[in-house]
Amino acid sequence: MPDTPDQDAPLPSFETGLEELETIVKELESGDLPLQRSLELFEKGMKLSKACRKQLEEAESRVEILVRKGDTVTAEPFGSEK
């Protein structure tokens, strides 16, 4: 399949992936697609969704909260439970 993304292909940016997902959803919601095209779009949408979710999880793990402790400011990982 020529439209199938290569496993080694770079992932689109989060914003680009989200825009592509929105386009896919609109096209699927039109309801005027042949079954094969609907399945191709669905599969592409699932891959984009997974890639976007992964990017969000990676971003969350990189976010740090600055905490003031006495006279110093330290960084702590976002979402860390004490």
Protein backbone atom coordinates (compact mmCIF):
# COMPACT_ATOMS: atom_id res chain seq x y z
CA MET A 1 0.00 0.00 0.00
CA PRO A 2 1.60 3.32 -0.98
CA ASP A 3 -0.41 5.36 1.55
CA THR A 4 0.78 3.25 4.49
CA PRO A 5 3.27 5.23 6.58
CA ASP A 6 6.68 3.63 6.94
CA GLN A 7 7.52 2.36 10.42
CA ASP A 8 10.72 4.43 10.35
CA ALA A 9 9.03 7.59 9.07
CA PRO A 10 9.22 10.51 11.48
CA LEU A 11 6.06 11.21 13.41
CA PRO A 12 4.18 14.38 12.51
CA SER A 13 4.24 17.19 15.04
CA PHE A 14 1.45 17.04 17.58
CA GLU A 15 -0.34 19.95 15.92
CA THR A 16 -0.05 18.40 12.45
CA GLY A 17 -1.28 15.05 13.74
CA LEU A 18 -4.25 16.71 15.41
CA GLU A 19 -5.15 18.60 12.22
CA GLU A 20 -4.95 15.37 10.20
CA LEU A 21 -7.19 13.63 12.75
CA GLU A 22 -9.77 16.40 12.47
CA THR A 23 -9.73 16.09 8.67
CA ILE A 24 -10.16 12.32 8.89
CA VAL A 25 -13.08 12.65 11.31
CA LYS A 26 -14.85 15.14 9.05
CA GLU A 27 -14.36 12.87 6.05
CA LEU A 28 -15.62 9.82 7.94
CA GLU A 29 -18.62 11.73 9.29
CA SER A 30 -19.67 12.67 5.75
CA GLY A 31 -20.84 9.08 5.31
CA ASP A 32 -20.29 9.17 1.55
CA LEU A 33 -17.22 6.93 1.46
CA PRO A 34 -16.74 3.44 0.12
CA LEU A 35 -16.03 0.84 2.78
CA GLN A 36 -12.38 0.39 1.77
CA ARG A 37 -11.67 4.14 2.03
CA SER A 38 -13.44 4.30 5.41
CA LEU A 39 -11.27 1.46 6.71
CA GLU A 40 -8.08 3.13 5.44
CA LEU A 41 -9.03 6.40 7.11
CA PHE A 42 -9.97 4.64 10.34
CA GLU A 43 -6.61 2.83 10.47
CA LYS A 44 -4.71 6.05 9.75
CA GLY A 45 -6.74 7.86 12.41
CA MET A 46 -5.95 5.20 15.00
CA LYS A 47 -2.22 5.46 14.24
CA LEU A 48 -2.33 9.26 14.46
CA SER A 49 -4.29 9.07 17.71
CA LYS A 50 -1.71 6.73 19.21
CA ALA A 51 1.16 8.97 18.08
CA CYS A 52 -0.51 12.10 19.51
CA ARG A 53 -1.26 10.34 22.81
CA LYS A 54 2.37 9.23 23.06
CA GLN A 55 3.59 12.76 22.40
CA LEU A 56 1.30 14.11 25.12
CA GLU A 57 2.53 11.52 27.61
CA GLU A 58 6.15 12.37 26.79
CA ALA A 59 5.45 16.09 27.18
CA GLU A 60 3.77 15.48 30.53
CA SER A 61 6.80 13.59 31.79
CA ARG A 62 9.06 16.47 30.76
CA VAL A 63 7.02 19.16 32.50
CA GLU A 64 8.45 20.22 35.81
CA ILE A 65 6.88 22.23 38.58
CA LEU A 66 9.00 24.88 40.22
CA VAL A 67 8.62 24.70 43.98
CA ARG A 68 9.89 27.28 46.42
CA LYS A 69 11.52 25.73 49.46
CA GLY A 70 12.79 28.36 51.82
CA ASP A 71 15.16 30.61 49.88
CA THR A 72 15.64 28.23 46.95
CA VAL A 73 13.52 27.23 44.00
CA THR A 74 13.72 23.60 42.94
CA ALA A 75 12.18 21.65 40.08
CA GLU A 76 10.06 18.58 40.72
CA PRO A 77 8.56 16.27 38.10
CA PHE A 78 4.95 17.02 37.22
CA GLY A 79 2.49 14.65 38.83
CA SER A 80 4.91 13.18 41.35
CA GLU A 81 3.12 11.84 44.40
CA LYS A 82 4.70 12.35 47.79
